[in-house]
Amino acid sequence: MDRLILVRHGDAERDSATGDDFDRRLSSRGCEESARMGETLAELGMIPDLALVSGAVRTRESWAAMSQAFPNAEARFEDPLYLAEAEVIRRLADAAGASARTVLVVGHNPGLQELAVRMMLEGGTSGGPVSRAQSGFPTGGAAVFLIDSAGRPHYDGLFYPRDRT
């Protein structure tokens, strides 16, 4: 894997028809956030070969909105990504990276935020980006890392939906 893109699902409804968190759908704002993030990443040339997507409804819908910008990306729906801790996300991404150059993960907080901050610190990032990621990782947000040949992450960008308004 040469690049890892961590994306938090778009804004979701507070409740689902079933009452189960797993079944919460995106709000209209969430659909727009996700589509815009896909467009932003594509415009910057950050195009995944493979997307690992939590099995939750809101992450699947986020990917559906984003995927319009990535017509050639393969998607795998991974139930273990649902509310996964940072270590689980990283392990799944690293495993997928054995066969893909750019891996995009669509998942949930707090695991995504924790992983983004850890990877920034591991890669020697300091100052503004770390502080920004520590203070919040909003719905529809993305953190991007280049991965060197030794598997070390290097900060490549932090993108939040409000940056494009």
N, C-alpha and C. Protein backbone atom coordinates (compact mmCIF):
# COMPACT_ATOMS: atom_id res chain seq x y z
N MET A 1 0.85 -1.18 0.00
CA MET A 1 0.00 0.00 0.00
C MET A 1 0.89 1.23 0.00
N ASP A 2 0.57 2.15 -0.89
CA ASP A 2 1.30 3.42 -0.97
C ASP A 2 0.57 4.56 -0.29
N ARG A 3 -0.76 4.44 -0.21
CA ARG A 3 -1.55 5.52 0.38
C ARG A 3 -2.74 4.92 1.12
N LEU A 4 -3.04 5.51 2.28
CA LEU A 4 -4.21 5.12 3.06
C LEU A 4 -5.07 6.35 3.28
N ILE A 5 -6.35 6.22 2.96
CA ILE A 5 -7.31 7.31 3.12
C ILE A 5 -8.35 6.85 4.14
N LEU A 6 -8.48 7.60 5.23
CA LEU A 6 -9.46 7.29 6.27
C LEU A 6 -10.61 8.27 6.13
N VAL A 7 -11.83 7.78 5.94
CA VAL A 7 -12.99 8.64 5.76
C VAL A 7 -14.07 8.27 6.77
N ARG A 8 -14.54 9.28 7.49
CA ARG A 8 -15.67 9.05 8.39
C ARG A 8 -16.96 9.17 7.58
N HIS A 9 -17.91 8.32 7.87
CA HIS A 9 -19.20 8.36 7.17
C HIS A 9 -19.81 9.75 7.25
N GLY A 10 -20.72 10.04 6.34
CA GLY A 10 -21.43 11.31 6.34
C GLY A 10 -22.41 11.42 7.51
N ASP A 11 -22.94 12.62 7.69
CA ASP A 11 -23.91 12.88 8.75
C ASP A 11 -25.07 11.89 8.65
N ALA A 12 -25.44 11.34 9.80
CA ALA A 12 -26.50 10.31 9.81
C ALA A 12 -27.68 10.75 10.65
N GLU A 13 -28.81 10.13 10.38
CA GLU A 13 -30.00 10.38 11.18
C GLU A 13 -29.74 9.90 12.61
N ARG A 14 -30.43 10.50 13.55
CA ARG A 14 -30.23 10.13 14.96
C ARG A 14 -30.71 8.72 15.28
N ASP A 15 -31.79 8.29 14.64
CA ASP A 15 -32.38 6.99 14.92
C ASP A 15 -32.65 6.25 13.61
N SER A 16 -32.83 4.94 13.74
CA SER A 16 -33.20 4.15 12.57
C SER A 16 -34.61 3.62 12.79
N ALA A 17 -35.20 3.15 11.72
CA ALA A 17 -36.55 2.59 11.81
C ALA A 17 -36.58 1.36 12.73
N THR A 18 -35.45 0.64 12.77
CA THR A 18 -35.39 -0.56 13.61
C THR A 18 -34.98 -0.26 15.05
N GLY A 19 -34.47 0.96 15.27
CA GLY A 19 -33.94 1.31 16.59
C GLY A 19 -32.50 0.87 16.78
N ASP A 20 -31.92 0.21 15.78
CA ASP A 20 -30.55 -0.29 15.86
C ASP A 20 -29.59 0.72 15.24
N ASP A 21 -28.52 1.04 15.96
CA ASP A 21 -27.53 1.99 15.47
C ASP A 21 -26.96 1.56 14.13
N PHE A 22 -26.75 0.29 13.93
CA PHE A 22 -26.18 -0.26 12.70
C PHE A 22 -27.02 0.14 11.48
N ASP A 23 -28.32 0.35 11.67
CA ASP A 23 -29.25 0.62 10.58
C ASP A 23 -29.50 2.10 10.32
N ARG A 24 -28.80 2.98 11.03
CA ARG A 24 -29.00 4.42 10.81
C ARG A 24 -28.58 4.79 9.39
N ARG A 25 -29.43 5.60 8.74
CA ARG A 25 -29.20 6.04 7.37
C ARG A 25 -28.55 7.43 7.36
N LEU A 26 -28.00 7.79 6.23
CA LEU A 26 -27.46 9.14 6.06
C LEU A 26 -28.60 10.15 5.98
N SER A 27 -28.33 11.33 6.50
CA SER A 27 -29.24 12.45 6.27
C SER A 27 -28.93 13.01 4.88
N SER A 28 -29.73 13.93 4.41
CA SER A 28 -29.44 14.54 3.10
C SER A 28 -28.09 15.26 3.14
N ARG A 29 -27.78 15.90 4.28
CA ARG A 29 -26.48 16.54 4.44
C ARG A 29 -25.35 15.52 4.33
N GLY A 30 -25.56 14.34 4.91
CA GLY A 30 -24.56 13.28 4.86
C GLY A 30 -24.29 12.79 3.46
N CYS A 31 -25.34 12.70 2.66
CA CYS A 31 -25.17 12.30 1.26
C CYS A 31 -24.33 13.33 0.52
N GLU A 32 -24.63 14.60 0.75
CA GLU A 32 -23.88 15.68 0.10
C GLU A 32 -22.43 15.70 0.57
N GLU A 33 -22.20 15.56 1.88
CA GLU A 33 -20.84 15.53 2.42
C GLU A 33 -20.01 14.43 1.76
N SER A 34 -20.60 13.26 1.69
CA SER A 34 -19.87 12.11 1.15
C SER A 34 -19.55 12.29 -0.33
N ALA A 35 -20.52 12.75 -1.09
CA ALA A 35 -20.29 12.98 -2.52
C ALA A 35 -19.21 14.03 -2.73
N ARG A 36 -19.26 15.12 -1.96
CA ARG A 36 -18.25 16.18 -2.08
C ARG A 36 -16.87 15.68 -1.71
N MET A 37 -16.78 14.83 -0.66
CA MET A 37 -15.47 14.32 -0.27
C MET A 37 -14.91 13.43 -1.37
N GLY A 38 -15.74 12.62 -1.98
CA GLY A 38 -15.28 11.82 -3.10
C GLY A 38 -14.74 12.69 -4.23
N GLU A 39 -15.46 13.75 -4.55
CA GLU A 39 -15.03 14.68 -5.59
C GLU A 39 -13.71 15.35 -5.23
N THR A 40 -13.59 15.78 -3.97
CA THR A 40 -12.35 16.44 -3.52
C THR A 40 -11.16 15.52 -3.66
N LEU A 41 -11.31 14.31 -3.17
CA LEU A 41 -10.20 13.36 -3.24
C LEU A 41 -9.84 13.05 -4.69
N ALA A 42 -10.84 12.85 -5.53
CA ALA A 42 -10.58 12.55 -6.94
C ALA A 42 -9.87 13.72 -7.63
N GLU A 43 -10.31 14.94 -7.35
CA GLU A 43 -9.68 16.12 -7.94
C GLU A 43 -8.20 16.22 -7.55
N LEU A 44 -7.87 15.73 -6.36
CA LEU A 44 -6.49 15.77 -5.86
C LEU A 44 -5.68 14.55 -6.30
N GLY A 45 -6.30 13.65 -7.06
CA GLY A 45 -5.62 12.46 -7.53
C GLY A 45 -5.50 11.36 -6.49
N MET A 46 -6.28 11.47 -5.44
CA MET A 46 -6.26 10.49 -4.35
C MET A 46 -7.39 9.49 -4.61
N ILE A 47 -7.12 8.57 -5.51
CA ILE A 47 -8.15 7.65 -6.01
C ILE A 47 -7.85 6.24 -5.52
N PRO A 48 -8.77 5.66 -4.77
CA PRO A 48 -8.52 4.32 -4.23
C PRO A 48 -8.65 3.21 -5.28
N ASP A 49 -7.83 2.19 -5.07
CA ASP A 49 -8.00 0.95 -5.81
C ASP A 49 -9.03 0.08 -5.10
N LEU A 50 -9.04 0.20 -3.77
CA LEU A 50 -9.86 -0.64 -2.93
C LEU A 50 -10.47 0.19 -1.80
N ALA A 51 -11.75 0.03 -1.57
CA ALA A 51 -12.42 0.66 -0.44
C ALA A 51 -12.86 -0.42 0.53
N LEU A 52 -12.48 -0.27 1.79
CA LEU A 52 -12.97 -1.13 2.86
C LEU A 52 -14.05 -0.34 3.57
N VAL A 53 -15.25 -0.87 3.60
CA VAL A 53 -16.40 -0.13 4.09
C VAL A 53 -17.06 -0.92 5.22
N SER A 54 -17.29 -0.25 6.33
CA SER A 54 -18.04 -0.87 7.42
C SER A 54 -19.39 -1.33 6.88
N GLY A 55 -19.91 -2.40 7.45
CA GLY A 55 -21.19 -2.92 6.99
C GLY A 55 -22.40 -2.11 7.40
N ALA A 56 -22.23 -1.11 8.26
CA ALA A 56 -23.35 -0.29 8.72
C ALA A 56 -24.00 0.44 7.54
N VAL A 57 -25.28 0.70 7.65
CA VAL A 57 -26.01 1.35 6.57
C VAL A 57 -25.40 2.71 6.24
N ARG A 58 -25.07 3.52 7.23
CA ARG A 58 -24.57 4.87 6.95
C ARG A 58 -23.21 4.87 6.25
N THR A 59 -22.37 3.87 6.51
CA THR A 59 -21.08 3.81 5.81
C THR A 59 -21.28 3.29 4.39
N ARG A 60 -22.18 2.35 4.22
CA ARG A 60 -22.47 1.84 2.88
C ARG A 60 -23.05 2.96 2.00
N GLU A 61 -23.95 3.76 2.59
CA GLU A 61 -24.52 4.88 1.84
C GLU A 61 -23.47 5.95 1.56
N SER A 62 -22.56 6.16 2.49
CA SER A 62 -21.46 7.12 2.27
C SER A 62 -20.62 6.66 1.09
N TRP A 63 -20.27 5.38 1.08
CA TRP A 63 -19.49 4.85 -0.04
C TRP A 63 -20.26 4.98 -1.34
N ALA A 64 -21.54 4.70 -1.34
CA ALA A 64 -22.34 4.81 -2.56
C ALA A 64 -22.26 6.23 -3.12
N ALA A 65 -22.32 7.23 -2.25
CA ALA A 65 -22.22 8.62 -2.70
C ALA A 65 -20.81 8.95 -3.18
N MET A 66 -19.81 8.48 -2.46
CA MET A 66 -18.41 8.76 -2.83
C MET A 66 -17.99 8.03 -4.09
N SER A 67 -18.47 6.83 -4.25
CA SER A 67 -17.97 5.95 -5.30
C SER A 67 -18.22 6.50 -6.71
N GLN A 68 -19.11 7.45 -6.83
CA GLN A 68 -19.34 8.07 -8.15
C GLN A 68 -18.05 8.70 -8.66
N ALA A 69 -17.20 9.15 -7.75
CA ALA A 69 -15.92 9.77 -8.12
C ALA A 69 -14.83 8.72 -8.37
N PHE A 70 -15.10 7.46 -8.02
CA PHE A 70 -14.11 6.39 -8.13
C PHE A 70 -14.70 5.18 -8.85
N PRO A 71 -15.06 5.31 -10.11
CA PRO A 71 -15.79 4.24 -10.80
C PRO A 71 -15.04 2.92 -10.91
N ASN A 72 -13.72 2.94 -10.79
CA ASN A 72 -12.95 1.71 -10.96
C ASN A 72 -12.53 1.08 -9.64
N ALA A 73 -12.91 1.67 -8.53
CA ALA A 73 -12.50 1.13 -7.23
C ALA A 73 -13.33 -0.09 -6.86
N GLU A 74 -12.65 -1.07 -6.32
CA GLU A 74 -13.33 -2.25 -5.77
C GLU A 74 -13.77 -1.91 -4.35
N ALA A 75 -14.91 -2.41 -3.93
CA ALA A 75 -15.38 -2.19 -2.56
C ALA A 75 -15.55 -3.53 -1.87
N ARG A 76 -15.12 -3.56 -0.61
CA ARG A 76 -15.34 -4.72 0.26
C ARG A 76 -16.05 -4.23 1.51
N PHE A 77 -17.13 -4.88 1.85
CA PHE A 77 -17.89 -4.50 3.03
C PHE A 77 -17.44 -5.39 4.19
N GLU A 78 -16.93 -4.75 5.22
CA GLU A 78 -16.28 -5.44 6.33
C GLU A 78 -17.01 -5.13 7.64
N ASP A 79 -17.80 -6.08 8.12
CA ASP A 79 -18.49 -5.88 9.39
C ASP A 79 -17.55 -5.59 10.56
N PRO A 80 -16.33 -6.13 10.59
CA PRO A 80 -15.44 -5.80 11.72
C PRO A 80 -15.06 -4.31 11.80
N LEU A 81 -15.30 -3.54 10.74
CA LEU A 81 -15.03 -2.09 10.79
C LEU A 81 -16.10 -1.32 11.55
N TYR A 82 -17.23 -1.95 11.81
CA TYR A 82 -18.31 -1.26 12.52
C TYR A 82 -17.85 -0.90 13.93
N LEU A 83 -17.75 0.40 14.19
CA LEU A 83 -17.31 0.95 15.48
C LEU A 83 -15.98 0.36 15.94
N ALA A 84 -15.11 0.04 14.98
CA ALA A 84 -13.82 -0.60 15.26
C ALA A 84 -12.86 0.35 15.96
N GLU A 85 -12.01 -0.24 16.77
CA GLU A 85 -10.92 0.50 17.41
C GLU A 85 -9.82 0.73 16.38
N ALA A 86 -8.95 1.69 16.68
CA ALA A 86 -7.89 2.09 15.76
C ALA A 86 -7.03 0.91 15.30
N GLU A 87 -6.68 0.01 16.22
CA GLU A 87 -5.82 -1.13 15.87
C GLU A 87 -6.48 -2.05 14.85
N VAL A 88 -7.78 -2.25 14.98
CA VAL A 88 -8.50 -3.12 14.05
C VAL A 88 -8.53 -2.49 12.67
N ILE A 89 -8.80 -1.20 12.61
CA ILE A 89 -8.83 -0.49 11.32
C ILE A 89 -7.47 -0.59 10.63
N ARG A 90 -6.43 -0.32 11.38
CA ARG A 90 -5.08 -0.36 10.81
C ARG A 90 -4.74 -1.77 10.32
N ARG A 91 -5.07 -2.77 11.09
CA ARG A 91 -4.76 -4.15 10.72
C ARG A 91 -5.50 -4.54 9.42
N LEU A 92 -6.78 -4.20 9.32
CA LEU A 92 -7.54 -4.51 8.11
C LEU A 92 -7.00 -3.75 6.90
N ALA A 93 -6.64 -2.49 7.10
CA ALA A 93 -6.09 -1.69 6.00
C ALA A 93 -4.74 -2.24 5.55
N ASP A 94 -3.88 -2.59 6.50
CA ASP A 94 -2.57 -3.14 6.15
C ASP A 94 -2.72 -4.45 5.38
N ALA A 95 -3.63 -5.30 5.81
CA ALA A 95 -3.85 -6.58 5.11
C ALA A 95 -4.34 -6.33 3.69
N ALA A 96 -5.26 -5.40 3.52
CA ALA A 96 -5.78 -5.07 2.19
C ALA A 96 -4.71 -4.44 1.32
N GLY A 97 -3.81 -3.71 1.96
CA GLY A 97 -2.74 -3.03 1.24
C GLY A 97 -1.73 -3.95 0.58
N ALA A 98 -1.79 -5.23 0.92
CA ALA A 98 -0.89 -6.19 0.27
C ALA A 98 -1.24 -6.35 -1.20
N SER A 99 -2.49 -6.03 -1.58
CA SER A 99 -2.92 -6.20 -2.96
C SER A 99 -3.46 -4.92 -3.60
N ALA A 100 -3.33 -3.78 -2.92
CA ALA A 100 -3.84 -2.52 -3.46
C ALA A 100 -2.86 -1.40 -3.14
N ARG A 101 -2.69 -0.49 -4.08
CA ARG A 101 -1.77 0.63 -3.86
C ARG A 101 -2.39 1.72 -2.99
N THR A 102 -3.67 2.02 -3.23
CA THR A 102 -4.37 3.02 -2.43
C THR A 102 -5.60 2.39 -1.83
N VAL A 103 -5.65 2.40 -0.50
CA VAL A 103 -6.77 1.82 0.24
C VAL A 103 -7.54 2.96 0.91
N LEU A 104 -8.84 2.95 0.76
CA LEU A 104 -9.72 3.91 1.42
C LEU A 104 -10.58 3.13 2.41
N VAL A 105 -10.67 3.64 3.65
CA VAL A 105 -11.51 3.02 4.67
C VAL A 105 -12.64 3.97 4.99
N VAL A 106 -13.88 3.49 4.93
CA VAL A 106 -15.04 4.28 5.35
C VAL A 106 -15.53 3.66 6.65
N GLY A 107 -15.40 4.43 7.73
CA GLY A 107 -15.74 3.88 9.04
C GLY A 107 -16.31 4.91 9.99
N HIS A 108 -16.01 4.70 11.25
CA HIS A 108 -16.67 5.42 12.34
C HIS A 108 -15.67 6.01 13.34
N ASN A 109 -16.12 7.01 14.06
CA ASN A 109 -15.39 7.51 15.22
C ASN A 109 -15.82 6.70 16.43
N PRO A 110 -15.03 6.61 17.46
CA PRO A 110 -13.77 7.31 17.66
C PRO A 110 -12.56 6.62 17.02
N GLY A 111 -12.72 5.41 16.50
CA GLY A 111 -11.58 4.67 15.97
C GLY A 111 -10.84 5.37 14.85
N LEU A 112 -11.56 5.96 13.90
CA LEU A 112 -10.90 6.66 12.79
C LEU A 112 -10.08 7.85 13.28
N GLN A 113 -10.66 8.63 14.16
CA GLN A 113 -9.95 9.80 14.68
C GLN A 113 -8.70 9.36 15.44
N GLU A 114 -8.84 8.36 16.28
CA GLU A 114 -7.69 7.86 17.03
C GLU A 114 -6.59 7.37 16.10
N LEU A 115 -6.97 6.64 15.06
CA LEU A 115 -5.97 6.14 14.11
C LEU A 115 -5.31 7.29 13.37
N ALA A 116 -6.08 8.26 12.93
CA ALA A 116 -5.50 9.40 12.21
C ALA A 116 -4.47 10.12 13.07
N VAL A 117 -4.80 10.37 14.31
CA VAL A 117 -3.87 11.07 15.21
C VAL A 117 -2.63 10.21 15.45
N ARG A 118 -2.82 8.93 15.72
CA ARG A 118 -1.68 8.04 15.95
C ARG A 118 -0.75 8.00 14.74
N MET A 119 -1.33 7.92 13.55
CA MET A 119 -0.51 7.86 12.34
C MET A 119 0.24 9.17 12.12
N MET A 120 -0.40 10.29 12.43
CA MET A 120 0.29 11.57 12.31
C MET A 120 1.49 11.61 13.26
N LEU A 121 1.28 11.22 14.49
CA LEU A 121 2.36 11.24 15.47
C LEU A 121 3.45 10.24 15.11
N GLU A 122 3.07 9.06 14.66
CA GLU A 122 4.03 8.04 14.24
C GLU A 122 4.89 8.54 13.08
N GLY A 123 4.30 9.31 12.20
CA GLY A 123 5.02 9.83 11.04
C GLY A 123 5.76 11.13 11.28
N GLY A 124 5.70 11.64 12.51
CA GLY A 124 6.43 12.86 12.84
C GLY A 124 5.70 14.15 12.51
N THR A 125 4.42 14.07 12.21
CA THR A 125 3.64 15.28 11.95
C THR A 125 3.49 16.04 13.25
N SER A 126 3.56 17.35 13.17
CA SER A 126 3.38 18.16 14.37
C SER A 126 2.54 19.39 14.04
N GLY A 127 2.21 20.13 15.08
CA GLY A 127 1.53 21.39 14.89
C GLY A 127 0.09 21.30 14.48
N GLY A 128 -0.29 22.16 13.52
CA GLY A 128 -1.67 22.35 13.13
C GLY A 128 -2.45 21.10 12.77
N PRO A 129 -1.93 20.24 11.88
CA PRO A 129 -2.72 19.07 11.51
C PRO A 129 -3.05 18.15 12.69
N VAL A 130 -2.08 17.93 13.56
CA VAL A 130 -2.32 17.06 14.71
C VAL A 130 -3.36 17.69 15.63
N SER A 131 -3.19 18.96 15.90
CA SER A 131 -4.12 19.67 16.76
C SER A 131 -5.53 19.66 16.17
N ARG A 132 -5.61 19.86 14.88
CA ARG A 132 -6.92 19.87 14.21
C ARG A 132 -7.59 18.50 14.30
N ALA A 133 -6.82 17.44 14.07
CA ALA A 133 -7.38 16.09 14.14
C ALA A 133 -7.75 15.72 15.57
N GLN A 134 -6.97 16.16 16.54
CA GLN A 134 -7.27 15.86 17.94
C GLN A 134 -8.55 16.55 18.40
N SER A 135 -8.81 17.73 17.85
CA SER A 135 -9.98 18.49 18.30
C SER A 135 -11.28 18.02 17.66
N GLY A 136 -11.20 17.15 16.67
CA GLY A 136 -12.42 16.60 16.08
C GLY A 136 -12.18 16.05 14.70
N PHE A 137 -12.91 15.00 14.38
CA PHE A 137 -12.87 14.39 13.05
C PHE A 137 -14.32 14.29 12.61
N PRO A 138 -14.82 15.31 11.92
CA PRO A 138 -16.26 15.40 11.64
C PRO A 138 -16.76 14.38 10.63
N THR A 139 -18.07 14.21 10.62
CA THR A 139 -18.67 13.36 9.60
C THR A 139 -18.26 13.88 8.23
N GLY A 140 -17.96 12.95 7.34
CA GLY A 140 -17.55 13.31 5.99
C GLY A 140 -16.10 13.72 5.89
N GLY A 141 -15.36 13.71 7.00
CA GLY A 141 -13.95 14.11 7.00
C GLY A 141 -13.04 13.00 6.51
N ALA A 142 -11.84 13.39 6.04
CA ALA A 142 -10.87 12.42 5.55
C ALA A 142 -9.47 12.80 6.01
N ALA A 143 -8.68 11.79 6.34
CA ALA A 143 -7.26 11.95 6.65
C ALA A 143 -6.51 11.05 5.68
N VAL A 144 -5.45 11.58 5.08
CA VAL A 144 -4.73 10.86 4.04
C VAL A 144 -3.26 10.72 4.43
N PHE A 145 -2.73 9.53 4.21
CA PHE A 145 -1.35 9.22 4.56
C PHE A 145 -0.66 8.50 3.41
N LEU A 146 0.56 8.90 3.13
CA LEU A 146 1.42 8.13 2.25
C LEU A 146 2.10 7.10 3.13
N ILE A 147 2.30 5.90 2.61
CA ILE A 147 2.93 4.83 3.37
C ILE A 147 4.24 4.47 2.67
N ASP A 148 5.36 4.59 3.40
CA ASP A 148 6.66 4.31 2.78
C ASP A 148 6.92 2.81 2.72
N SER A 149 8.04 2.44 2.13
CA SER A 149 8.35 1.01 1.92
C SER A 149 8.53 0.25 3.23
N ALA A 150 8.79 0.95 4.32
CA ALA A 150 8.91 0.31 5.64
C ALA A 150 7.56 0.27 6.38
N GLY A 151 6.50 0.78 5.73
CA GLY A 151 5.18 0.78 6.34
C GLY A 151 4.91 1.96 7.25
N ARG A 152 5.79 2.96 7.23
CA ARG A 152 5.61 4.16 8.07
C ARG A 152 4.69 5.16 7.37
N PRO A 153 3.76 5.74 8.13
CA PRO A 153 2.84 6.72 7.54
C PRO A 153 3.46 8.12 7.50
N HIS A 154 3.09 8.85 6.47
CA HIS A 154 3.49 10.26 6.33
C HIS A 154 2.25 11.05 5.96
N TYR A 155 1.95 12.03 6.77
CA TYR A 155 0.76 12.87 6.60
C TYR A 155 0.71 13.46 5.20
N ASP A 156 -0.46 13.33 4.54
CA ASP A 156 -0.63 13.84 3.18
C ASP A 156 -1.85 14.74 3.05
N GLY A 157 -2.61 14.92 4.13
CA GLY A 157 -3.74 15.84 4.05
C GLY A 157 -4.85 15.49 5.01
N LEU A 158 -5.54 16.53 5.44
CA LEU A 158 -6.70 16.41 6.30
C LEU A 158 -7.78 17.27 5.67
N PHE A 159 -8.90 16.66 5.32
CA PHE A 159 -9.95 17.35 4.57
C PHE A 159 -11.28 17.21 5.30
N TYR A 160 -11.90 18.33 5.55
CA TYR A 160 -13.19 18.34 6.24
C TYR A 160 -14.22 18.97 5.31
N PRO A 161 -15.47 18.51 5.38
CA PRO A 161 -16.51 19.05 4.47
C PRO A 161 -16.64 20.57 4.54
N ARG A 162 -16.51 21.14 5.70
CA ARG A 162 -16.68 22.60 5.81
C ARG A 162 -15.57 23.36 5.09
N ASP A 163 -14.47 22.69 4.72
CA ASP A 163 -13.39 23.34 3.99
C ASP A 163 -13.83 23.73 2.59
N ARG A 164 -14.87 23.08 2.08
CA ARG A 164 -15.31 23.31 0.70
C ARG A 164 -16.56 24.15 0.61
N THR A 165 -17.00 24.72 1.71
CA THR A 165 -18.24 25.50 1.64
C THR A 165 -17.98 26.92 1.21
